[in-house]
Each structure stands twice: as structure tokens, then as C-alpha cells.
Amino acid sequence: MKKLVIIRHAKSSWESPYLDDHSRPLAERGLRDAPKMAKRLKKKDIIPDAMLSSDAERAKNTALITAEILDFPKAKIHFTSRLFHSLADTIFDEIKKTENKVQTLFLFGHNPGLNDLIEKFGGKIDNLPTCGQFGLNFDVNSWKEISPQNAKLWFFDFPKND
């Protein structure tokens, strides 16, 4: 069984409108929501074996906050530019590169790619909100085998889902 937790970055700041999009930091709300959502994962005992994240500042910081709350080694987070504003197929290709010893993968990225990926796996979602989490289970032994045909909804959570 492979478990994928898709996490959209927390709310980003627009205080510096001329700042490069890749460099935008988290807003105050994002700095509150990221630990709150990580604590929900911890309470449900959903702990990653690996983390894969966009290297954009807002996604990177969301991943780092999550790692800290879940006692995941920050140095083991894999940051890649391939997840920055990527299409669903590109994200899917990156997931399939995951080592088979990994059972639970956390993926941090951006919309619209994450929405499209969720829909590709058969998830019914209008919008994955900032800091939203969408979990899928795959009854397979290899990440290369994951597909829409073997994807099952595990959970869906977001900050305003109190």
C-alpha cells in the first residue's frame, strides 16, 4: 500500500507585489495554518517516510514547518523546481520516481497543478485551499504502479474545516 498526501502551500504574502513569485514568503495566516494542519496530521498518526516539495519559498516553508511538527528530518526533504507551477503530468512523473521503500509520501506544491492531479486520480474537488491536504491510498507495491484505477480517497482536510 502506497499513501500520498498532497499538500498545497500555506497562504502566501502579497506585501511586496513586485517580489518574484518564486520568492514569495508565507503570510501571517500561512504561518498559523501550516503548524495547525501539521498537528492534525500528527494527531491522526499520519507521518511521512519521504517529503517532496516545490522549491518555491512558500512551499518550502510549508514543508519545513510540517517536518518540524512531525519530527521529520528537514535535511531529508527533497526540494525541486520541477514542482513549481507544474502540470499534473509532471507532478505525477515526479511521484513515480519515489523509492519503493517509501510507504507514505508528502507532496508540497501549487495550484492549479495539484487540483488537476487530484482530479486525475478521480478526486472530486473544486479547489484545494491553501494549506489543504488531500490523502490518497494506492493498493500497489511500487510508486511506478500508481494510477487513477487504483487510487482511493483517504482524507481531505483544510484549515477552515474546524
Protein backbone atom coordinates (compact mmCIF):
# COMPACT_ATOMS: atom_id res chain seq x y z
CA MET A 1 0.00 0.00 0.00
CA LYS A 2 1.33 3.42 -1.00
CA LYS A 3 -0.06 6.56 0.66
CA LEU A 4 0.18 10.01 -0.88
CA VAL A 5 -0.62 13.22 0.97
CA ILE A 6 -0.92 16.18 -1.41
CA ILE A 7 -0.44 19.49 0.43
CA ARG A 8 -0.88 22.91 -1.11
CA HIS A 9 1.45 25.54 0.29
CA ALA A 10 0.11 27.74 3.10
CA LYS A 11 -1.19 31.25 2.38
CA SER A 12 1.49 33.42 0.83
CA SER A 13 2.18 37.08 1.41
CA TRP A 14 1.49 39.76 -1.18
CA GLU A 15 3.03 42.58 0.91
CA SER A 16 5.74 43.03 -1.72
CA PRO A 17 3.81 42.95 -5.02
CA TYR A 18 6.98 43.27 -7.11
CA LEU A 19 8.69 40.31 -5.46
CA ASP A 20 9.43 37.42 -7.80
CA ASP A 21 6.60 34.84 -7.50
CA HIS A 22 9.07 32.06 -6.66
CA SER A 23 10.35 34.08 -3.68
CA ARG A 24 7.03 34.99 -2.06
CA PRO A 25 7.07 34.10 1.67
CA LEU A 26 4.22 32.88 3.83
CA ALA A 27 1.69 35.39 5.14
CA GLU A 28 0.80 35.58 8.84
CA ARG A 29 -2.19 33.33 8.15
CA GLY A 30 0.08 30.82 6.43
CA LEU A 31 2.44 30.85 9.42
CA ARG A 32 -0.56 29.99 11.64
CA ASP A 33 -2.18 27.43 9.32
CA ALA A 34 0.91 25.35 8.47
CA PRO A 35 1.61 24.20 12.06
CA LYS A 36 -2.12 23.79 12.74
CA MET A 37 -2.51 21.43 9.77
CA ALA A 38 0.69 19.54 10.60
CA LYS A 39 -0.63 18.96 14.12
CA ARG A 40 -3.82 17.49 12.64
CA LEU A 41 -1.71 15.00 10.68
CA LYS A 42 0.25 14.13 13.81
CA LYS A 43 -2.97 13.61 15.78
CA LYS A 44 -4.14 11.14 13.09
CA ASP A 45 -0.68 9.49 13.17
CA ILE A 46 -0.07 10.30 9.51
CA ILE A 47 3.72 10.53 9.32
CA PRO A 48 5.77 10.66 6.09
CA ASP A 49 8.57 8.36 5.06
CA ALA A 50 9.58 10.98 2.48
CA MET A 51 8.76 14.58 1.59
CA LEU A 52 8.89 16.08 -1.89
CA SER A 53 8.37 19.82 -2.30
CA SER A 54 8.45 22.63 -4.78
CA ASP A 55 11.50 24.81 -4.13
CA ALA A 56 9.39 27.99 -4.13
CA GLU A 57 9.70 29.82 -0.82
CA ARG A 58 6.06 29.38 0.26
CA ALA A 59 6.01 25.64 -0.48
CA LYS A 60 9.46 25.13 1.03
CA ASN A 61 8.44 26.87 4.28
CA THR A 62 5.21 24.88 4.49
CA ALA A 63 7.23 21.67 4.14
CA LEU A 64 9.81 22.79 6.72
CA ILE A 65 7.12 23.70 9.28
CA THR A 66 5.37 20.37 8.68
CA ALA A 67 8.65 18.48 9.06
CA GLU A 68 9.38 20.22 12.35
CA ILE A 69 5.96 19.38 13.84
CA LEU A 70 6.20 15.75 12.68
CA ASP A 71 9.84 15.28 13.73
CA PHE A 72 10.83 14.56 10.12
CA PRO A 73 14.49 15.40 9.35
CA LYS A 74 14.46 18.68 7.42
CA ALA A 75 17.63 17.69 5.58
CA LYS A 76 15.75 14.75 4.03
CA ILE A 77 13.12 16.92 2.32
CA HIS A 78 13.67 16.82 -1.44
CA PHE A 79 13.13 20.28 -2.95
CA THR A 80 12.77 20.57 -6.71
CA SER A 81 11.96 23.29 -9.22
CA ARG A 82 10.05 20.66 -11.22
CA LEU A 83 7.08 21.11 -8.85
CA PHE A 84 6.87 24.90 -9.21
CA HIS A 85 3.68 25.68 -11.17
CA SER A 86 3.85 22.26 -12.81
CA LEU A 87 1.24 20.44 -14.80
CA ALA A 88 -0.39 17.36 -13.25
CA ASP A 89 1.54 15.02 -15.56
CA THR A 90 4.89 16.50 -14.47
CA ILE A 91 3.93 16.13 -10.79
CA PHE A 92 2.77 12.56 -11.46
CA ASP A 93 6.13 11.77 -13.10
CA GLU A 94 7.98 13.12 -10.04
CA ILE A 95 5.87 10.99 -7.67
CA LYS A 96 6.62 7.86 -9.72
CA LYS A 97 10.37 8.40 -9.10
CA THR A 98 9.85 7.76 -5.36
CA GLU A 99 11.81 4.83 -3.93
CA ASN A 100 9.63 1.78 -3.22
CA LYS A 101 10.76 1.60 0.41
CA VAL A 102 8.69 4.79 0.95
CA GLN A 103 5.17 3.91 2.05
CA THR A 104 3.86 7.43 2.82
CA LEU A 105 4.89 10.38 0.66
CA PHE A 106 4.05 14.02 1.40
CA LEU A 107 4.00 16.26 -1.69
CA PHE A 108 4.01 20.09 -1.35
CA GLY A 109 3.12 22.22 -4.32
CA HIS A 110 0.84 24.68 -6.06
CA ASN A 111 -2.47 25.06 -7.84
CA PRO A 112 -3.71 24.55 -10.48
CA GLY A 113 -1.38 21.54 -10.85
CA LEU A 114 -2.40 19.95 -7.55
CA ASN A 115 -6.11 20.34 -8.32
CA ASP A 116 -5.56 18.75 -11.72
CA LEU A 117 -3.55 15.90 -10.15
CA ILE A 118 -6.32 15.19 -7.63
CA GLU A 119 -8.90 15.17 -10.43
CA LYS A 120 -6.63 12.88 -12.49
CA PHE A 121 -6.79 10.39 -9.59
CA GLY A 122 -10.58 10.65 -9.52
CA GLY A 123 -10.84 13.07 -6.61
CA LYS A 124 -13.84 15.34 -6.66
CA ILE A 125 -12.62 18.79 -5.66
CA ASP A 126 -13.40 22.34 -6.73
CA ASN A 127 -10.29 23.80 -5.17
CA LEU A 128 -7.56 22.59 -2.83
CA PRO A 129 -7.33 25.58 -0.49
CA THR A 130 -4.03 26.96 0.75
CA CYS A 131 -2.60 24.51 3.29
CA GLY A 132 -5.23 21.97 2.23
CA GLN A 133 -4.38 18.28 2.46
CA PHE A 134 -5.70 15.55 0.17
CA GLY A 135 -4.75 11.96 1.00
CA LEU A 136 -4.89 9.04 -1.42
CA ASN A 137 -4.19 5.32 -0.95
CA PHE A 138 -2.96 3.05 -3.73
CA ASP A 139 -3.13 -0.71 -3.38
CA VAL A 140 0.21 -1.29 -5.13
CA ASN A 141 3.78 -2.20 -4.18
CA SER A 142 5.58 0.31 -6.38
CA TRP A 143 5.15 4.05 -6.94
CA LYS A 144 5.52 3.34 -10.67
CA GLU A 145 2.23 1.39 -10.46
CA ILE A 146 0.06 4.16 -9.02
CA SER A 147 -2.75 5.18 -11.33
CA PRO A 148 -6.28 6.59 -11.37
CA GLN A 149 -7.54 2.99 -11.48
CA ASN A 150 -6.01 2.05 -8.12
CA ALA A 151 -6.42 5.41 -6.31
CA LYS A 152 -8.76 5.62 -3.32
CA LEU A 153 -9.68 8.69 -1.30
CA TRP A 154 -8.12 8.56 2.16
CA PHE A 155 -8.98 12.00 3.57
CA PHE A 156 -9.44 15.67 2.70
CA ASP A 157 -8.77 18.44 5.21
CA PHE A 158 -8.13 22.18 5.13
CA PRO A 159 -7.63 24.98 7.69
CA LYS A 160 -11.25 26.21 7.79
CA ASN A 161 -12.54 22.63 8.26
CA ASP A 162 -12.87 23.04 12.03
